[in-house]
Structures are given as C-alpha cells and as structure tokens.
Amino acid sequence: MAKSFADFRYMTFDVVGTLIDFEGGLVGCLEEIAREAGVSFDGEEALALYRAARYMPDAGHFPDDLARVYGVIAPQLGLPSGAAHGQRLRDSVKDWRPFPDSADALARLARRYKLIAMTNAQRWAFAHFSRALGDPFYAGFTVDDTGTEKPDPAFFEHVFTFVEKDGGSRDEILHVAQSQYHDIGISRRLGLTNCWIQRRHAQPGYGGTIEPERFTEPDFHFISMAGLADAAGTKPAA
C-alpha cells in the first residue's frame, strides 16, 4: 500500500520533461528554423528522431549534446545544416519554459516538503530552469555533480547520501517524474515511493523520452503537477 503524503519529508524531482516543457522547447526551436527555411515540419517526427539521436553511443551530456543531435536529425527533417543551427538549438534551452502549473505547484509543495532537483542536465542549464521555476529547491543534483545520468542507481545514491547527512532517510522521499525509463522504473527498484506525472496523457507514445522495456505501475499517478500539489493538501496562495 502506498504511503500517505504525511509520511514524506522530501520530494525529489526530475526536471526536464516533468517541470520544464522540454518537448515544447525543442520542437519550438526546430519549427522556427524550419519556418525560416520554408520547410514543412512535423513535431512528433522530430521528437522520434531526437530520441534516437540522443541515445546514440557517442552522445554527450545534455544539453550541450543538442548541437550534435541537430547535425544528426537535420538532414532527416530537411532542415538546413551547419554548426550555427546546432548551437542555436543548444542555446534555446535557456528559454525553455516550465509547464504552466509547475512553478505554482512547487511553491505550494515547498511550504511542506524539502524539494530536491535531480536532473540529467548540466549545471548551467539547471540554473536557468531553476530560475524559471522560482528557485524552489532545497538542493539540486545535475550530471555535473554526480558524474552519471539517471537511470544509473549511482545518481540516486548521491541524493540518498545527501538526505542522510540532512538527518533523513530514503523512506521519507517521494520521487516525482514523468519518465518511466529514467525515473519511475529505477526508483521502484531502489525501494523509493514514486509519483508519475504523465505529461503526455493526451498524446500517444513516449515522445522525446526513451521507451522503457516494461511499464512500472507508480505509487501515485497524476497528469499534472497541480494534481500532485492538490492531493498533497497544499493550498494555492490566497
């Protein structure tokens, strides 16, 4: 049986895709390039190509790796080639926006829980994301801090060590994420209580996120961060 929200002291969050609309930001930049070039564009096709390119063996850290990814997917989408366009996609990350409900929900949850960010993004990008979200985090862990990416258990171990030094335990953590592959499956295997934010609930498939080998039934399931904040009993600001 899932725990109640009163059992948690910490909430750990995936950032890109859960709190930040990475698909909207990625597609928006590519669509702009396509429009300038007079090329027709399909966002879901772009996400599928991105997903394949992002997980190639020679992939680098996100989002610097977006420059390389652009070089892979541009010819398949009929987009103009060139390093400048790849750099433009990478730099667009600074302007990627939170989902409309993210900042308010985090502000509400931060009144009751210690919020910890866990992102495969590099520290420079996380700084932009956190600022856009209102800097709600008690702590933040990036690929630069951990030297690895989720779903590697080692990423989670860094967070467990921090929580233990803070006087808590993994039993007091609720892990919140949209990615079945990067977060929900591994958090279950590590014994965490988890919460799936199904951002693509109205769309088929996994979009720009790699598909898991098997679906993991989460402990909690919402289609928005607002749904989580409501269920946790945190009231909107007056």
C-alpha atoms as a PDB file:
ATOM      1  CA  MET A   1       0.000   0.000   0.000  1.00  0.00           C
ATOM      2  CA  ALA A   2       1.316   3.455  -0.892  1.00  0.00           C
ATOM      3  CA  LYS A   3       2.277   5.771   1.915  1.00  0.00           C
ATOM      4  CA  SER A   4       0.307   8.909   2.702  1.00  0.00           C
ATOM      5  CA  PHE A   5       1.720  12.324   1.865  1.00  0.00           C
ATOM      6  CA  ALA A   6       2.215  12.956   5.582  1.00  0.00           C
ATOM      7  CA  ASP A   7       4.930  10.264   5.575  1.00  0.00           C
ATOM      8  CA  PHE A   8       7.305  12.296   3.399  1.00  0.00           C
ATOM      9  CA  ARG A   9       9.794  14.991   4.328  1.00  0.00           C
ATOM     10  CA  TYR A  10      11.435  15.202   0.907  1.00  0.00           C
ATOM     11  CA  MET A  11      10.225  15.288  -2.663  1.00  0.00           C
ATOM     12  CA  THR A  12      12.795  14.646  -5.363  1.00  0.00           C
ATOM     13  CA  PHE A  13      12.025  15.815  -8.876  1.00  0.00           C
ATOM     14  CA  ASP A  14      13.059  15.067 -12.390  1.00  0.00           C
ATOM     15  CA  VAL A  15      13.247  18.481 -14.057  1.00  0.00           C
ATOM     16  CA  VAL A  16      13.388  18.253 -17.866  1.00  0.00           C
ATOM     17  CA  GLY A  17      10.083  16.849 -19.057  1.00  0.00           C
ATOM     18  CA  THR A  18       8.419  16.889 -15.645  1.00  0.00           C
ATOM     19  CA  LEU A  19       8.734  20.547 -14.665  1.00  0.00           C
ATOM     20  CA  ILE A  20      10.227  22.076 -17.822  1.00  0.00           C
ATOM     21  CA  ASP A  21       8.434  21.550 -21.144  1.00  0.00           C
ATOM     22  CA  PHE A  22      11.410  20.146 -22.999  1.00  0.00           C
ATOM     23  CA  GLU A  23       9.354  18.782 -25.905  1.00  0.00           C
ATOM     24  CA  GLY A  24       7.728  22.177 -26.419  1.00  0.00           C
ATOM     25  CA  GLY A  25      11.072  23.956 -26.248  1.00  0.00           C
ATOM     26  CA  LEU A  26      12.823  21.519 -28.573  1.00  0.00           C
ATOM     27  CA  VAL A  27      10.043  21.418 -31.153  1.00  0.00           C
ATOM     28  CA  GLY A  28       9.553  25.177 -30.950  1.00  0.00           C
ATOM     29  CA  CYS A  29      13.163  25.904 -31.868  1.00  0.00           C
ATOM     30  CA  LEU A  30      13.233  23.357 -34.703  1.00  0.00           C
ATOM     31  CA  GLU A  31       9.896  24.615 -36.004  1.00  0.00           C
ATOM     32  CA  GLU A  32      11.249  28.159 -36.088  1.00  0.00           C
ATOM     33  CA  ILE A  33      14.278  27.041 -38.094  1.00  0.00           C
ATOM     34  CA  ALA A  34      12.005  25.118 -40.478  1.00  0.00           C
ATOM     35  CA  ARG A  35       9.738  28.127 -40.947  1.00  0.00           C
ATOM     36  CA  GLU A  36      12.680  30.386 -41.769  1.00  0.00           C
ATOM     37  CA  ALA A  37      13.915  27.807 -44.280  1.00  0.00           C
ATOM     38  CA  GLY A  38      10.463  27.329 -45.820  1.00  0.00           C
ATOM     39  CA  VAL A  39      10.417  23.648 -44.888  1.00  0.00           C
ATOM     40  CA  SER A  40       7.366  21.676 -43.744  1.00  0.00           C
ATOM     41  CA  PHE A  41       7.748  20.303 -40.230  1.00  0.00           C
ATOM     42  CA  ASP A  42       6.231  17.543 -38.090  1.00  0.00           C
ATOM     43  CA  GLY A  43       6.847  17.876 -34.369  1.00  0.00           C
ATOM     44  CA  GLU A  44       6.217  14.235 -33.446  1.00  0.00           C
ATOM     45  CA  GLU A  45       8.573  13.067 -36.192  1.00  0.00           C
ATOM     46  CA  ALA A  46      11.207  15.429 -34.846  1.00  0.00           C
ATOM     47  CA  LEU A  47      10.786  14.040 -31.329  1.00  0.00           C
ATOM     48  CA  ALA A  48      11.170  10.462 -32.551  1.00  0.00           C
ATOM     49  CA  LEU A  49      14.342  11.352 -34.444  1.00  0.00           C
ATOM     50  CA  TYR A  50      15.642  13.288 -31.460  1.00  0.00           C
ATOM     51  CA  ARG A  51      15.046  10.317 -29.171  1.00  0.00           C
ATOM     52  CA  ALA A  52      17.069   8.011 -31.439  1.00  0.00           C
ATOM     53  CA  ALA A  53      19.895  10.533 -31.864  1.00  0.00           C
ATOM     54  CA  ARG A  54      20.075  11.478 -28.196  1.00  0.00           C
ATOM     55  CA  TYR A  55      20.776   7.916 -27.125  1.00  0.00           C
ATOM     56  CA  MET A  56      23.443   7.098 -29.699  1.00  0.00           C
ATOM     57  CA  PRO A  57      26.682   5.624 -28.267  1.00  0.00           C
ATOM     58  CA  ASP A  58      28.652   8.830 -28.848  1.00  0.00           C
ATOM     59  CA  ALA A  59      26.112  11.081 -27.105  1.00  0.00           C
ATOM     60  CA  GLY A  60      27.466  13.750 -24.774  1.00  0.00           C
ATOM     61  CA  HIS A  61      25.950  15.472 -21.795  1.00  0.00           C
ATOM     62  CA  PHE A  62      22.644  17.288 -22.179  1.00  0.00           C
ATOM     63  CA  PRO A  63      22.080  19.960 -23.324  1.00  0.00           C
ATOM     64  CA  ASP A  64      25.498  20.591 -24.896  1.00  0.00           C
ATOM     65  CA  ASP A  65      24.818  17.416 -26.873  1.00  0.00           C
ATOM     66  CA  LEU A  66      21.942  19.137 -28.694  1.00  0.00           C
ATOM     67  CA  ALA A  67      24.445  20.661 -31.124  1.00  0.00           C
ATOM     68  CA  ARG A  68      25.496  17.147 -32.169  1.00  0.00           C
ATOM     69  CA  VAL A  69      21.890  15.939 -32.206  1.00  0.00           C
ATOM     70  CA  TYR A  70      20.910  18.699 -34.614  1.00  0.00           C
ATOM     71  CA  GLY A  71      23.587  17.577 -37.055  1.00  0.00           C
ATOM     72  CA  VAL A  72      22.121  14.057 -36.973  1.00  0.00           C
ATOM     73  CA  ILE A  73      18.435  14.898 -37.356  1.00  0.00           C
ATOM     74  CA  ALA A  74      18.529  17.988 -39.587  1.00  0.00           C
ATOM     75  CA  PRO A  75      19.060  16.083 -42.872  1.00  0.00           C
ATOM     76  CA  GLN A  76      16.208  13.706 -41.998  1.00  0.00           C
ATOM     77  CA  LEU A  77      13.883  16.645 -41.348  1.00  0.00           C
ATOM     78  CA  GLY A  78      15.028  18.623 -44.376  1.00  0.00           C
ATOM     79  CA  LEU A  79      16.396  21.381 -42.152  1.00  0.00           C
ATOM     80  CA  PRO A  80      19.455  23.465 -43.043  1.00  0.00           C
ATOM     81  CA  SER A  81      22.774  22.073 -41.849  1.00  0.00           C
ATOM     82  CA  GLY A  82      25.591  23.931 -40.165  1.00  0.00           C
ATOM     83  CA  ALA A  83      27.120  24.333 -36.730  1.00  0.00           C
ATOM     84  CA  ALA A  84      25.317  27.637 -36.150  1.00  0.00           C
ATOM     85  CA  HIS A  85      21.920  25.932 -36.220  1.00  0.00           C
ATOM     86  CA  GLY A  86      23.119  23.219 -33.849  1.00  0.00           C
ATOM     87  CA  GLN A  87      24.388  25.866 -31.456  1.00  0.00           C
ATOM     88  CA  ARG A  88      21.068  27.676 -31.770  1.00  0.00           C
ATOM     89  CA  LEU A  89      19.204  24.547 -30.654  1.00  0.00           C
ATOM     90  CA  ARG A  90      21.577  24.101 -27.726  1.00  0.00           C
ATOM     91  CA  ASP A  91      21.253  27.746 -26.694  1.00  0.00           C
ATOM     92  CA  SER A  92      17.445  27.655 -26.939  1.00  0.00           C
ATOM     93  CA  VAL A  93      17.468  25.691 -23.692  1.00  0.00           C
ATOM     94  CA  LYS A  94      17.945  28.969 -21.819  1.00  0.00           C
ATOM     95  CA  ASP A  95      14.456  29.984 -22.931  1.00  0.00           C
ATOM     96  CA  TRP A  96      12.619  26.691 -22.406  1.00  0.00           C
ATOM     97  CA  ARG A  97       9.630  27.342 -20.209  1.00  0.00           C
ATOM     98  CA  PRO A  98       8.096  25.470 -17.294  1.00  0.00           C
ATOM     99  CA  PHE A  99       4.755  23.774 -17.770  1.00  0.00           C
ATOM    100  CA  PRO A 100       2.060  26.282 -16.740  1.00  0.00           C
ATOM    101  CA  ASP A 101       1.375  24.501 -13.440  1.00  0.00           C
ATOM    102  CA  SER A 102       4.975  23.770 -12.378  1.00  0.00           C
ATOM    103  CA  ALA A 103       6.082  26.913 -10.533  1.00  0.00           C
ATOM    104  CA  ASP A 104       2.879  27.319  -8.538  1.00  0.00           C
ATOM    105  CA  ALA A 105       2.765  23.639  -7.576  1.00  0.00           C
ATOM    106  CA  LEU A 106       6.405  23.698  -6.448  1.00  0.00           C
ATOM    107  CA  ALA A 107       5.859  26.851  -4.397  1.00  0.00           C
ATOM    108  CA  ARG A 108       2.950  25.155  -2.660  1.00  0.00           C
ATOM    109  CA  LEU A 109       4.840  21.925  -2.023  1.00  0.00           C
ATOM    110  CA  ALA A 110       7.925  23.787  -0.758  1.00  0.00           C
ATOM    111  CA  ARG A 111       5.890  25.047   2.196  1.00  0.00           C
ATOM    112  CA  ARG A 112       5.636  21.478   3.485  1.00  0.00           C
ATOM    113  CA  TYR A 113       8.479  19.452   1.936  1.00  0.00           C
ATOM    114  CA  LYS A 114      12.161  19.830   1.140  1.00  0.00           C
ATOM    115  CA  LEU A 115      12.342  19.796  -2.660  1.00  0.00           C
ATOM    116  CA  ILE A 116      15.386  18.278  -4.347  1.00  0.00           C
ATOM    117  CA  ALA A 117      16.040  18.507  -8.090  1.00  0.00           C
ATOM    118  CA  MET A 118      17.569  15.502  -9.874  1.00  0.00           C
ATOM    119  CA  THR A 119      18.361  16.288 -13.485  1.00  0.00           C
ATOM    120  CA  ASN A 120      20.440  14.740 -16.246  1.00  0.00           C
ATOM    121  CA  ALA A 121      21.019  18.279 -17.491  1.00  0.00           C
ATOM    122  CA  GLN A 122      24.276  20.103 -16.933  1.00  0.00           C
ATOM    123  CA  ARG A 123      24.573  22.616 -14.121  1.00  0.00           C
ATOM    124  CA  TRP A 124      24.471  25.668 -16.416  1.00  0.00           C
ATOM    125  CA  ALA A 125      21.120  24.593 -17.837  1.00  0.00           C
ATOM    126  CA  PHE A 126      19.709  23.688 -14.440  1.00  0.00           C
ATOM    127  CA  ALA A 127      20.481  27.226 -13.258  1.00  0.00           C
ATOM    128  CA  HIS A 128      18.178  28.591 -15.977  1.00  0.00           C
ATOM    129  CA  PHE A 129      15.474  26.013 -15.253  1.00  0.00           C
ATOM    130  CA  SER A 130      15.534  26.633 -11.510  1.00  0.00           C
ATOM    131  CA  ARG A 131      15.284  30.375 -12.003  1.00  0.00           C
ATOM    132  CA  ALA A 132      12.314  29.959 -14.347  1.00  0.00           C
ATOM    133  CA  LEU A 133      10.642  27.801 -11.690  1.00  0.00           C
ATOM    134  CA  GLY A 134      11.174  30.387  -8.948  1.00  0.00           C
ATOM    135  CA  ASP A 135      14.226  28.715  -7.355  1.00  0.00           C
ATOM    136  CA  PRO A 136      12.121  26.422  -5.160  1.00  0.00           C
ATOM    137  CA  PHE A 137      14.725  23.746  -4.457  1.00  0.00           C
ATOM    138  CA  TYR A 138      16.337  22.879  -1.154  1.00  0.00           C
ATOM    139  CA  ALA A 139      19.103  21.164  -3.132  1.00  0.00           C
ATOM    140  CA  GLY A 140      19.849  20.237  -6.736  1.00  0.00           C
ATOM    141  CA  PHE A 141      21.841  17.439  -8.358  1.00  0.00           C
ATOM    142  CA  THR A 142      22.944  17.505 -12.002  1.00  0.00           C
ATOM    143  CA  VAL A 143      25.008  15.268 -14.270  1.00  0.00           C
ATOM    144  CA  ASP A 144      27.954  17.530 -13.454  1.00  0.00           C
ATOM    145  CA  ASP A 145      27.554  16.815  -9.742  1.00  0.00           C
ATOM    146  CA  THR A 146      27.037  13.055  -9.966  1.00  0.00           C
ATOM    147  CA  GLY A 147      29.189  12.192 -12.988  1.00  0.00           C
ATOM    148  CA  THR A 148      26.397   9.976 -14.279  1.00  0.00           C
ATOM    149  CA  GLU A 149      22.824  10.100 -15.565  1.00  0.00           C
ATOM    150  CA  LYS A 150      19.593   8.521 -14.446  1.00  0.00           C
ATOM    151  CA  PRO A 151      18.615   5.681 -14.573  1.00  0.00           C
ATOM    152  CA  ASP A 152      22.048   4.837 -13.172  1.00  0.00           C
ATOM    153  CA  PRO A 153      21.464   3.932  -9.494  1.00  0.00           C
ATOM    154  CA  ALA A 154      24.655   5.839  -8.653  1.00  0.00           C
ATOM    155  CA  PHE A 155      22.837   9.111  -9.386  1.00  0.00           C
ATOM    156  CA  PHE A 156      20.240   8.258  -6.767  1.00  0.00           C
ATOM    157  CA  GLU A 157      22.903   7.218  -4.274  1.00  0.00           C
ATOM    158  CA  HIS A 158      24.307  10.757  -4.326  1.00  0.00           C
ATOM    159  CA  VAL A 159      20.903  12.026  -3.281  1.00  0.00           C
ATOM    160  CA  PHE A 160      20.458   9.353  -0.614  1.00  0.00           C
ATOM    161  CA  THR A 161      23.793  10.348   0.918  1.00  0.00           C
ATOM    162  CA  PHE A 162      22.745  13.997   0.983  1.00  0.00           C
ATOM    163  CA  VAL A 163      19.400  13.189   2.602  1.00  0.00           C
ATOM    164  CA  GLU A 164      21.064  11.014   5.239  1.00  0.00           C
ATOM    165  CA  LYS A 165      23.506  13.810   6.097  1.00  0.00           C
ATOM    166  CA  ASP A 166      20.468  16.091   6.364  1.00  0.00           C
ATOM    167  CA  GLY A 167      19.005  13.797   9.004  1.00  0.00           C
ATOM    168  CA  GLY A 168      16.525  11.994   6.765  1.00  0.00           C
ATOM    169  CA  SER A 169      16.196   8.638   5.036  1.00  0.00           C
ATOM    170  CA  ARG A 170      15.129   7.323   1.648  1.00  0.00           C
ATOM    171  CA  ASP A 171      11.875   6.129   3.255  1.00  0.00           C
ATOM    172  CA  GLU A 172      10.933   9.789   3.649  1.00  0.00           C
ATOM    173  CA  ILE A 173      11.391  10.570  -0.067  1.00  0.00           C
ATOM    174  CA  LEU A 174       8.694  10.752  -2.724  1.00  0.00           C
ATOM    175  CA  HIS A 175      10.324  10.693  -6.163  1.00  0.00           C
ATOM    176  CA  VAL A 176       8.335  12.638  -8.774  1.00  0.00           C
ATOM    177  CA  ALA A 177       8.945  12.287 -12.519  1.00  0.00           C
ATOM    178  CA  GLN A 178       7.409  11.840 -15.945  1.00  0.00           C
ATOM    179  CA  SER A 179       9.947   9.414 -17.407  1.00  0.00           C
ATOM    180  CA  GLN A 180       9.207   5.757 -16.927  1.00  0.00           C
ATOM    181  CA  TYR A 181      12.660   4.924 -18.307  1.00  0.00           C
ATOM    182  CA  HIS A 182      14.834   7.384 -16.387  1.00  0.00           C
ATOM    183  CA  ASP A 183      12.961   7.571 -13.092  1.00  0.00           C
ATOM    184  CA  ILE A 184       9.879   5.515 -12.322  1.00  0.00           C
ATOM    185  CA  GLY A 185      11.323   2.070 -13.017  1.00  0.00           C
ATOM    186  CA  ILE A 186      14.644   2.624 -11.262  1.00  0.00           C
ATOM    187  CA  SER A 187      13.078   4.385  -8.273  1.00  0.00           C
ATOM    188  CA  ARG A 188      10.879   1.330  -7.745  1.00  0.00           C
ATOM    189  CA  ARG A 189      13.887  -0.989  -7.918  1.00  0.00           C
ATOM    190  CA  LEU A 190      15.676   1.154  -5.338  1.00  0.00           C
ATOM    191  CA  GLY A 191      12.736   0.935  -2.954  1.00  0.00           C
ATOM    192  CA  LEU A 192      11.532   4.531  -3.280  1.00  0.00           C
ATOM    193  CA  THR A 193       7.908   5.583  -3.257  1.00  0.00           C
ATOM    194  CA  ASN A 194       7.290   7.250  -6.600  1.00  0.00           C
ATOM    195  CA  CYS A 195       4.838   9.536  -8.360  1.00  0.00           C
ATOM    196  CA  TRP A 196       4.357   9.519 -12.126  1.00  0.00           C
ATOM    197  CA  ILE A 197       3.412  12.840 -13.714  1.00  0.00           C
ATOM    198  CA  GLN A 198       2.013  11.699 -17.059  1.00  0.00           C
ATOM    199  CA  ARG A 199       2.652  14.824 -19.098  1.00  0.00           C
ATOM    200  CA  ARG A 200       1.810  13.117 -22.411  1.00  0.00           C
ATOM    201  CA  HIS A 201      -1.528  11.777 -21.169  1.00  0.00           C
ATOM    202  CA  ALA A 202      -3.336  13.262 -24.175  1.00  0.00           C
ATOM    203  CA  GLN A 203      -0.734  12.066 -26.719  1.00  0.00           C
ATOM    204  CA  PRO A 204       0.298   8.598 -27.854  1.00  0.00           C
ATOM    205  CA  GLY A 205       3.747   7.171 -27.317  1.00  0.00           C
ATOM    206  CA  TYR A 206       6.723   8.443 -25.349  1.00  0.00           C
ATOM    207  CA  GLY A 207       7.614  11.460 -27.495  1.00  0.00           C
ATOM    208  CA  GLY A 208      11.194  12.557 -26.944  1.00  0.00           C
ATOM    209  CA  THR A 209      11.767  10.204 -23.993  1.00  0.00           C
ATOM    210  CA  ILE A 210      13.149   6.716 -24.474  1.00  0.00           C
ATOM    211  CA  GLU A 211      10.573   3.950 -24.073  1.00  0.00           C
ATOM    212  CA  PRO A 212      11.108   1.615 -21.102  1.00  0.00           C
ATOM    213  CA  GLU A 213      11.439  -2.120 -21.547  1.00  0.00           C
ATOM    214  CA  ARG A 214       8.437  -2.520 -19.284  1.00  0.00           C
ATOM    215  CA  PHE A 215       5.894  -0.184 -17.743  1.00  0.00           C
ATOM    216  CA  THR A 216       6.128   0.364 -13.975  1.00  0.00           C
ATOM    217  CA  GLU A 217       2.877   0.996 -12.133  1.00  0.00           C
ATOM    218  CA  PRO A 218       3.597   4.031  -9.929  1.00  0.00           C
ATOM    219  CA  ASP A 219       2.554   4.525  -6.316  1.00  0.00           C
ATOM    220  CA  PHE A 220       0.934   7.853  -7.221  1.00  0.00           C
ATOM    221  CA  HIS A 221      -0.214   8.964 -10.663  1.00  0.00           C
ATOM    222  CA  PHE A 222      -1.250  12.446 -11.813  1.00  0.00           C
ATOM    223  CA  ILE A 223      -1.418  14.148 -15.180  1.00  0.00           C
ATOM    224  CA  SER A 224      -0.151  17.458 -13.803  1.00  0.00           C
ATOM    225  CA  MET A 225       1.927  18.931 -11.019  1.00  0.00           C
ATOM    226  CA  ALA A 226      -1.183  20.788  -9.897  1.00  0.00           C
ATOM    227  CA  GLY A 227      -2.816  17.415  -9.294  1.00  0.00           C
ATOM    228  CA  LEU A 228       0.056  16.375  -7.053  1.00  0.00           C
ATOM    229  CA  ALA A 229       0.004  19.629  -5.079  1.00  0.00           C
ATOM    230  CA  ASP A 230      -3.761  19.333  -4.600  1.00  0.00           C
ATOM    231  CA  ALA A 231      -3.523  15.720  -3.425  1.00  0.00           C
ATOM    232  CA  ALA A 232      -0.744  16.640  -1.007  1.00  0.00           C
ATOM    233  CA  GLY A 233      -3.121  19.121   0.601  1.00  0.00           C
ATOM    234  CA  THR A 234      -1.112  22.235  -0.185  1.00  0.00           C
ATOM    235  CA  LYS A 235      -3.482  25.086  -0.889  1.00  0.00           C
ATOM    236  CA  PRO A 236      -2.965  27.686  -3.606  1.00  0.00           C
ATOM    237  CA  ALA A 237      -1.743  31.056  -2.450  1.00  0.00           C
ATOM    238  CA  ALA A 238      -4.563  33.402  -1.484  1.00  0.00           C
END
